[in-house]
Full PDB file with SEQRES, HELIX, SHEET, SSBOND, CRYST1, ORIGX, SCALE, CONECT and MASTER records, all heavy atoms in Angstrom:
SEQRES   1 A   29  ILE ALA GLY ALA VAL ALA ARG GLU ALA GLU HIS ILE ALA          
SEQRES   2 A   29  ARG ALA ILE ASP THR ILE ALA GLU ARG LEU SER ARG GLY          
SEQRES   3 A   29  GLY ARG LEU                                                  
HELIX    1 AA1 ALA A    2  ALA A    6  1                                   5    
HELIX    2 AA2 ALA A    9  SER A   24  1                                  16    
CRYST1    1.000    1.000    1.000  90.00  90.00  90.00 P 1           1          
ORIGX1      1.000000  0.000000  0.000000        0.00000                         
ORIGX2      0.000000  1.000000  0.000000        0.00000                         
ORIGX3      0.000000  0.000000  1.000000        0.00000                         
SCALE1      1.000000  0.000000  0.000000        0.00000                         
SCALE2      0.000000  1.000000  0.000000        0.00000                         
SCALE3      0.000000  0.000000  1.000000        0.00000                         
ATOM      1  N   ILE A   1       0.817  -1.221   0.000  1.00  0.00           N  
ATOM      2  CA  ILE A   1       0.000   0.000   0.000  1.00  0.00           C  
ATOM      3  C   ILE A   1       0.847   1.265   0.000  1.00  0.00           C  
ATOM      4  O   ILE A   1       0.565   2.222  -0.725  1.00  0.00           O  
ATOM      5  CB  ILE A   1      -0.964   0.000   1.206  1.00  0.00           C  
ATOM      6  CG1 ILE A   1      -1.901  -1.204   1.121  1.00  0.00           C  
ATOM      7  CG2 ILE A   1      -1.760   1.304   1.265  1.00  0.00           C  
ATOM      8  CD1 ILE A   1      -2.749  -1.409   2.362  1.00  0.00           C  
ATOM      9  N   ALA A   2       1.902   1.286   0.818  1.00  0.00           N  
ATOM     10  CA  ALA A   2       2.734   2.486   0.911  1.00  0.00           C  
ATOM     11  C   ALA A   2       3.319   2.859  -0.446  1.00  0.00           C  
ATOM     12  O   ALA A   2       3.440   4.048  -0.786  1.00  0.00           O  
ATOM     13  CB  ALA A   2       3.847   2.295   1.936  1.00  0.00           C  
ATOM     14  N   GLY A   3       3.683   1.864  -1.237  1.00  0.00           N  
ATOM     15  CA  GLY A   3       4.217   2.143  -2.565  1.00  0.00           C  
ATOM     16  C   GLY A   3       3.185   2.775  -3.471  1.00  0.00           C  
ATOM     17  O   GLY A   3       3.502   3.691  -4.258  1.00  0.00           O  
ATOM     18  N   ALA A   4       1.946   2.289  -3.386  1.00  0.00           N  
ATOM     19  CA  ALA A   4       0.872   2.867  -4.203  1.00  0.00           C  
ATOM     20  C   ALA A   4       0.632   4.325  -3.830  1.00  0.00           C  
ATOM     21  O   ALA A   4       0.413   5.180  -4.701  1.00  0.00           O  
ATOM     22  CB  ALA A   4      -0.411   2.047  -4.022  1.00  0.00           C  
ATOM     23  N   VAL A   5       0.691   4.619  -2.541  1.00  0.00           N  
ATOM     24  CA  VAL A   5       0.523   6.003  -2.087  1.00  0.00           C  
ATOM     25  C   VAL A   5       1.710   6.857  -2.522  1.00  0.00           C  
ATOM     26  O   VAL A   5       1.545   7.996  -2.976  1.00  0.00           O  
ATOM     27  CB  VAL A   5       0.346   6.054  -0.551  1.00  0.00           C  
ATOM     28  CG1 VAL A   5       0.351   7.500  -0.049  1.00  0.00           C  
ATOM     29  CG2 VAL A   5      -0.961   5.363  -0.147  1.00  0.00           C  
ATOM     30  N   ALA A   6       2.921   6.304  -2.419  1.00  0.00           N  
ATOM     31  CA  ALA A   6       4.128   7.054  -2.798  1.00  0.00           C  
ATOM     32  C   ALA A   6       4.085   7.483  -4.261  1.00  0.00           C  
ATOM     33  O   ALA A   6       4.572   8.568  -4.611  1.00  0.00           O  
ATOM     34  CB  ALA A   6       5.372   6.210  -2.538  1.00  0.00           C  
ATOM     35  N   ARG A   7       3.498   6.648  -5.103  1.00  0.00           N  
ATOM     36  CA  ARG A   7       3.423   7.000  -6.526  1.00  0.00           C  
ATOM     37  C   ARG A   7       2.522   8.198  -6.777  1.00  0.00           C  
ATOM     38  O   ARG A   7       2.568   8.799  -7.858  1.00  0.00           O  
ATOM     39  CB  ARG A   7       2.963   5.783  -7.336  1.00  0.00           C  
ATOM     40  CG  ARG A   7       4.035   4.692  -7.440  1.00  0.00           C  
ATOM     41  CD  ARG A   7       3.643   3.601  -8.414  1.00  0.00           C  
ATOM     42  NE  ARG A   7       2.610   2.710  -7.890  1.00  0.00           N  
ATOM     43  CZ  ARG A   7       2.850   1.649  -7.118  1.00  0.00           C  
ATOM     44  NH1 ARG A   7       4.083   1.345  -6.748  1.00  0.00           N  
ATOM     45  NH2 ARG A   7       1.848   0.885  -6.701  1.00  0.00           N  
ATOM     46  N   GLU A   8       1.715   8.566  -5.805  1.00  0.00           N  
ATOM     47  CA  GLU A   8       0.834   9.735  -5.927  1.00  0.00           C  
ATOM     48  C   GLU A   8       1.378  10.947  -5.178  1.00  0.00           C  
ATOM     49  O   GLU A   8       0.652  11.918  -4.945  1.00  0.00           O  
ATOM     50  CB  GLU A   8      -0.555   9.380  -5.395  1.00  0.00           C  
ATOM     51  CG  GLU A   8      -1.309   8.388  -6.254  1.00  0.00           C  
ATOM     52  CD  GLU A   8      -1.585   8.938  -7.641  1.00  0.00           C  
ATOM     53  OE1 GLU A   8      -2.270   9.957  -7.743  1.00  0.00           O  
ATOM     54  OE2 GLU A   8      -1.092   8.347  -8.625  1.00  0.00           O  
ATOM     55  N   ALA A   9       2.656  10.917  -4.814  1.00  0.00           N  
ATOM     56  CA  ALA A   9       3.242  11.959  -3.962  1.00  0.00           C  
ATOM     57  C   ALA A   9       3.052  13.371  -4.523  1.00  0.00           C  
ATOM     58  O   ALA A   9       2.696  14.303  -3.787  1.00  0.00           O  
ATOM     59  CB  ALA A   9       4.727  11.676  -3.739  1.00  0.00           C  
ATOM     60  N   GLU A  10       3.297  13.557  -5.816  1.00  0.00           N  
ATOM     61  CA  GLU A  10       3.179  14.903  -6.388  1.00  0.00           C  
ATOM     62  C   GLU A  10       1.746  15.409  -6.331  1.00  0.00           C  
ATOM     63  O   GLU A  10       1.505  16.594  -6.030  1.00  0.00           O  
ATOM     64  CB  GLU A  10       3.690  14.909  -7.827  1.00  0.00           C  
ATOM     65  CG  GLU A  10       5.189  14.709  -7.943  1.00  0.00           C  
ATOM     66  CD  GLU A  10       5.695  14.914  -9.356  1.00  0.00           C  
ATOM     67  OE1 GLU A  10       4.917  15.378 -10.211  1.00  0.00           O  
ATOM     68  OE2 GLU A  10       6.880  14.607  -9.596  1.00  0.00           O  
ATOM     69  N   HIS A  11       0.790  14.547  -6.604  1.00  0.00           N  
ATOM     70  CA  HIS A  11      -0.611  14.958  -6.531  1.00  0.00           C  
ATOM     71  C   HIS A  11      -1.015  15.272  -5.089  1.00  0.00           C  
ATOM     72  O   HIS A  11      -1.766  16.224  -4.843  1.00  0.00           O  
ATOM     73  CB  HIS A  11      -1.514  13.856  -7.093  1.00  0.00           C  
ATOM     74  CG  HIS A  11      -1.331  13.635  -8.558  1.00  0.00           C  
ATOM     75  ND1 HIS A  11      -1.652  12.460  -9.194  1.00  0.00           N  
ATOM     76  CD2 HIS A  11      -0.852  14.457  -9.542  1.00  0.00           C  
ATOM     77  CE1 HIS A  11      -1.401  12.558 -10.478  1.00  0.00           C  
ATOM     78  NE2 HIS A  11      -0.907  13.763 -10.713  1.00  0.00           N  
ATOM     79  N   ILE A  12      -0.523  14.472  -4.156  1.00  0.00           N  
ATOM     80  CA  ILE A  12      -0.836  14.719  -2.745  1.00  0.00           C  
ATOM     81  C   ILE A  12      -0.252  16.061  -2.307  1.00  0.00           C  
ATOM     82  O   ILE A  12      -0.906  16.843  -1.608  1.00  0.00           O  
ATOM     83  CB  ILE A  12      -0.305  13.571  -1.860  1.00  0.00           C  
ATOM     84  CG1 ILE A  12      -1.022  12.255  -2.210  1.00  0.00           C  
ATOM     85  CG2 ILE A  12      -0.509  13.890  -0.379  1.00  0.00           C  
ATOM     86  CD1 ILE A  12      -0.400  11.019  -1.585  1.00  0.00           C  
ATOM     87  N   ALA A  13       0.977  16.343  -2.726  1.00  0.00           N  
ATOM     88  CA  ALA A  13       1.610  17.613  -2.371  1.00  0.00           C  
ATOM     89  C   ALA A  13       0.833  18.800  -2.942  1.00  0.00           C  
ATOM     90  O   ALA A  13       0.647  19.826  -2.254  1.00  0.00           O  
ATOM     91  CB  ALA A  13       3.053  17.636  -2.876  1.00  0.00           C  
ATOM     92  N   ARG A  14       0.371  18.675  -4.183  1.00  0.00           N  
ATOM     93  CA  ARG A  14      -0.436  19.754  -4.770  1.00  0.00           C  
ATOM     94  C   ARG A  14      -1.729  19.941  -3.985  1.00  0.00           C  
ATOM     95  O   ARG A  14      -2.184  21.078  -3.758  1.00  0.00           O  
ATOM     96  CB  ARG A  14      -0.749  19.437  -6.233  1.00  0.00           C  
ATOM     97  CG  ARG A  14       0.434  19.626  -7.177  1.00  0.00           C  
ATOM     98  CD  ARG A  14       0.110  19.125  -8.574  1.00  0.00           C  
ATOM     99  NE  ARG A  14      -1.105  19.733  -9.115  1.00  0.00           N  
ATOM    100  CZ  ARG A  14      -1.768  19.263 -10.160  1.00  0.00           C  
ATOM    101  NH1 ARG A  14      -1.343  18.163 -10.775  1.00  0.00           N  
ATOM    102  NH2 ARG A  14      -2.855  19.884 -10.584  1.00  0.00           N  
ATOM    103  N   ALA A  15      -2.321  18.857  -3.540  1.00  0.00           N  
ATOM    104  CA  ALA A  15      -3.547  18.944  -2.749  1.00  0.00           C  
ATOM    105  C   ALA A  15      -3.276  19.633  -1.420  1.00  0.00           C  
ATOM    106  O   ALA A  15      -4.078  20.460  -0.952  1.00  0.00           O  
ATOM    107  CB  ALA A  15      -4.120  17.544  -2.517  1.00  0.00           C  
ATOM    108  N   ILE A  16      -2.153  19.326  -0.793  1.00  0.00           N  
ATOM    109  CA  ILE A  16      -1.790  19.963   0.474  1.00  0.00           C  
ATOM    110  C   ILE A  16      -1.653  21.468   0.289  1.00  0.00           C  
ATOM    111  O   ILE A  16      -2.160  22.261   1.095  1.00  0.00           O  
ATOM    112  CB  ILE A  16      -0.484  19.355   1.024  1.00  0.00           C  
ATOM    113  CG1 ILE A  16      -0.737  17.932   1.538  1.00  0.00           C  
ATOM    114  CG2 ILE A  16       0.101  20.225   2.141  1.00  0.00           C  
ATOM    115  CD1 ILE A  16       0.530  17.170   1.896  1.00  0.00           C  
ATOM    116  N   ASP A  17      -0.965  21.874  -0.771  1.00  0.00           N  
ATOM    117  CA  ASP A  17      -0.809  23.306  -1.041  1.00  0.00           C  
ATOM    118  C   ASP A  17      -2.171  23.979  -1.229  1.00  0.00           C  
ATOM    119  O   ASP A  17      -2.417  25.075  -0.716  1.00  0.00           O  
ATOM    120  CB  ASP A  17       0.040  23.521  -2.297  1.00  0.00           C  
ATOM    121  CG  ASP A  17       1.526  23.314  -2.055  1.00  0.00           C  
ATOM    122  OD1 ASP A  17       1.975  23.510  -0.907  1.00  0.00           O  
ATOM    123  OD2 ASP A  17       2.235  22.961  -3.016  1.00  0.00           O  
ATOM    124  N   THR A  18      -3.056  23.320  -1.963  1.00  0.00           N  
ATOM    125  CA  THR A  18      -4.387  23.877  -2.204  1.00  0.00           C  
ATOM    126  C   THR A  18      -5.165  24.016  -0.901  1.00  0.00           C  
ATOM    127  O   THR A  18      -5.788  25.052  -0.633  1.00  0.00           O  
ATOM    128  CB  THR A  18      -5.178  22.980  -3.176  1.00  0.00           C  
ATOM    129  OG1 THR A  18      -4.512  22.962  -4.437  1.00  0.00           O  
ATOM    130  CG2 THR A  18      -6.606  23.487  -3.364  1.00  0.00           C  
ATOM    131  N   ILE A  19      -5.140  22.974  -0.084  1.00  0.00           N  
ATOM    132  CA  ILE A  19      -5.883  22.995   1.178  1.00  0.00           C  
ATOM    133  C   ILE A  19      -5.338  24.081   2.103  1.00  0.00           C  
ATOM    134  O   ILE A  19      -6.102  24.857   2.694  1.00  0.00           O  
ATOM    135  CB  ILE A  19      -5.823  21.614   1.850  1.00  0.00           C  
ATOM    136  CG1 ILE A  19      -6.608  20.594   1.021  1.00  0.00           C  
ATOM    137  CG2 ILE A  19      -6.379  21.674   3.271  1.00  0.00           C  
ATOM    138  CD1 ILE A  19      -6.370  19.151   1.421  1.00  0.00           C  
ATOM    139  N   ALA A  20      -4.017  24.165   2.236  1.00  0.00           N  
ATOM    140  CA  ALA A  20      -3.419  25.171   3.119  1.00  0.00           C  
ATOM    141  C   ALA A  20      -3.778  26.580   2.662  1.00  0.00           C  
ATOM    142  O   ALA A  20      -4.100  27.452   3.479  1.00  0.00           O  
ATOM    143  CB  ALA A  20      -1.904  24.992   3.157  1.00  0.00           C  
ATOM    144  N   GLU A  21      -3.734  26.796   1.351  1.00  0.00           N  
ATOM    145  CA  GLU A  21      -4.054  28.122   0.810  1.00  0.00           C  
ATOM    146  C   GLU A  21      -5.507  28.485   1.083  1.00  0.00           C  
ATOM    147  O   GLU A  21      -5.815  29.609   1.506  1.00  0.00           O  
ATOM    148  CB  GLU A  21      -3.758  28.126  -0.686  1.00  0.00           C  
ATOM    149  CG  GLU A  21      -3.851  29.499  -1.346  1.00  0.00           C  
ATOM    150  CD  GLU A  21      -5.242  29.793  -1.875  1.00  0.00           C  
ATOM    151  OE1 GLU A  21      -5.976  28.836  -2.187  1.00  0.00           O  
ATOM    152  OE2 GLU A  21      -5.601  30.984  -1.961  1.00  0.00           O  
ATOM    153  N   ARG A  22      -6.418  27.541   0.878  1.00  0.00           N  
ATOM    154  CA  ARG A  22      -7.840  27.814   1.098  1.00  0.00           C  
ATOM    155  C   ARG A  22      -8.137  28.042   2.578  1.00  0.00           C  
ATOM    156  O   ARG A  22      -8.878  28.967   2.942  1.00  0.00           O  
ATOM    157  CB  ARG A  22      -8.688  26.659   0.564  1.00  0.00           C  
ATOM    158  CG  ARG A  22      -8.629  26.496  -0.959  1.00  0.00           C  
ATOM    159  CD  ARG A  22      -9.379  27.619  -1.659  1.00  0.00           C  
ATOM    160  NE  ARG A  22      -9.231  27.576  -3.110  1.00  0.00           N  
ATOM    161  CZ  ARG A  22     -10.255  27.630  -3.951  1.00  0.00           C  
ATOM    162  NH1 ARG A  22     -11.489  27.699  -3.506  1.00  0.00           N  
ATOM    163  NH2 ARG A  22     -10.028  27.625  -5.256  1.00  0.00           N  
ATOM    164  N   LEU A  23      -7.582  27.211   3.445  1.00  0.00           N  
ATOM    165  CA  LEU A  23      -7.823  27.377   4.878  1.00  0.00           C  
ATOM    166  C   LEU A  23      -7.245  28.696   5.388  1.00  0.00           C  
ATOM    167  O   LEU A  23      -7.840  29.362   6.230  1.00  0.00           O  
ATOM    168  CB  LEU A  23      -7.220  26.207   5.660  1.00  0.00           C  
ATOM    169  CG  LEU A  23      -7.847  24.827   5.444  1.00  0.00           C  
ATOM    170  CD1 LEU A  23      -7.152  23.789   6.315  1.00  0.00           C  
ATOM    171  CD2 LEU A  23      -9.341  24.832   5.745  1.00  0.00           C  
ATOM    172  N   SER A  24      -6.089  29.082   4.867  1.00  0.00           N  
ATOM    173  CA  SER A  24      -5.450  30.333   5.297  1.00  0.00           C  
ATOM    174  C   SER A  24      -6.281  31.552   4.905  1.00  0.00           C  
ATOM    175  O   SER A  24      -6.175  32.607   5.539  1.00  0.00           O  
ATOM    176  CB  SER A  24      -4.052  30.445   4.676  1.00  0.00           C  
ATOM    177  OG  SER A  24      -3.210  29.418   5.158  1.00  0.00           O  
ATOM    178  N   ARG A  25      -7.107  31.401   3.867  1.00  0.00           N  
ATOM    179  CA  ARG A  25      -7.966  32.514   3.417  1.00  0.00           C  
ATOM    180  C   ARG A  25      -9.359  32.455   4.046  1.00  0.00           C  
ATOM    181  O   ARG A  25     -10.263  33.166   3.627  1.00  0.00           O  
ATOM    182  CB  ARG A  25      -8.096  32.493   1.900  1.00  0.00           C  
ATOM    183  CG  ARG A  25      -6.834  32.892   1.176  1.00  0.00           C  
ATOM    184  CD  ARG A  25      -7.089  33.309  -0.265  1.00  0.00           C  
ATOM    185  NE  ARG A  25      -7.459  32.200  -1.129  1.00  0.00           N  
ATOM    186  CZ  ARG A  25      -8.618  32.119  -1.782  1.00  0.00           C  
ATOM    187  NH1 ARG A  25      -9.538  33.056  -1.649  1.00  0.00           N  
ATOM    188  NH2 ARG A  25      -8.864  31.082  -2.565  1.00  0.00           N  
ATOM    189  N   GLY A  26      -9.517  31.597   5.054  1.00  0.00           N  
ATOM    190  CA  GLY A  26     -10.799  31.525   5.739  1.00  0.00           C  
ATOM    191  C   GLY A  26     -11.746  30.491   5.197  1.00  0.00           C  
ATOM    192  O   GLY A  26     -12.914  30.433   5.601  1.00  0.00           O  
ATOM    193  N   GLY A  27     -11.276  29.669   4.257  1.00  0.00           N  
ATOM    194  CA  GLY A  27     -12.117  28.618   3.709  1.00  0.00           C  
ATOM    195  C   GLY A  27     -12.148  27.389   4.597  1.00  0.00           C  
ATOM    196  O   GLY A  27     -11.518  27.335   5.654  1.00  0.00           O  
ATOM    197  N   ARG A  28     -12.877  26.375   4.131  1.00  0.00           N  
ATOM    198  CA  ARG A  28     -13.020  25.139   4.882  1.00  0.00           C  
ATOM    199  C   ARG A  28     -12.581  23.954   4.032  1.00  0.00           C  
ATOM    200  O   ARG A  28     -12.633  24.008   2.806  1.00  0.00           O  
ATOM    201  CB  ARG A  28     -14.484  24.939   5.300  1.00  0.00           C  
ATOM    202  CG  ARG A  28     -15.035  26.017   6.217  1.00  0.00           C  
ATOM    203  CD  ARG A  28     -16.547  25.905   6.334  1.00  0.00           C  
ATOM    204  NE  ARG A  28     -17.197  26.190   5.061  1.00  0.00           N  
ATOM    205  CZ  ARG A  28     -18.504  26.066   4.837  1.00  0.00           C  
ATOM    206  NH1 ARG A  28     -19.308  25.649   5.811  1.00  0.00           N  
ATOM    207  NH2 ARG A  28     -19.022  26.362   3.665  1.00  0.00           N  
ATOM    208  N   LEU A  29     -12.172  22.909   4.708  1.00  0.00           N  
ATOM    209  CA  LEU A  29     -11.891  21.632   4.055  1.00  0.00           C  
ATOM    210  C   LEU A  29     -13.084  20.724   4.323  1.00  0.00           C  
ATOM    211  O   LEU A  29     -13.449  20.489   5.480  1.00  0.00           O  
ATOM    212  CB  LEU A  29     -10.616  21.018   4.630  1.00  0.00           C  
ATOM    213  CG  LEU A  29     -10.327  19.550   4.280  1.00  0.00           C  
ATOM    214  CD1 LEU A  29     -10.225  19.358   2.773  1.00  0.00           C  
ATOM    215  CD2 LEU A  29      -9.056  19.082   4.977  1.00  0.00           C  
TER     216      LEU A  29                                                      
MASTER        0    0    0    2    0    0    0    6  215    1    0    3          
END                                                                             
């Protein structure tokens, strides 16, 4: 399983950036 998740690392990182940006502007997850 960990390998399958690791292969999505770049997409996960982009999602983290998006979530942090939205929450910092007062949005919700």
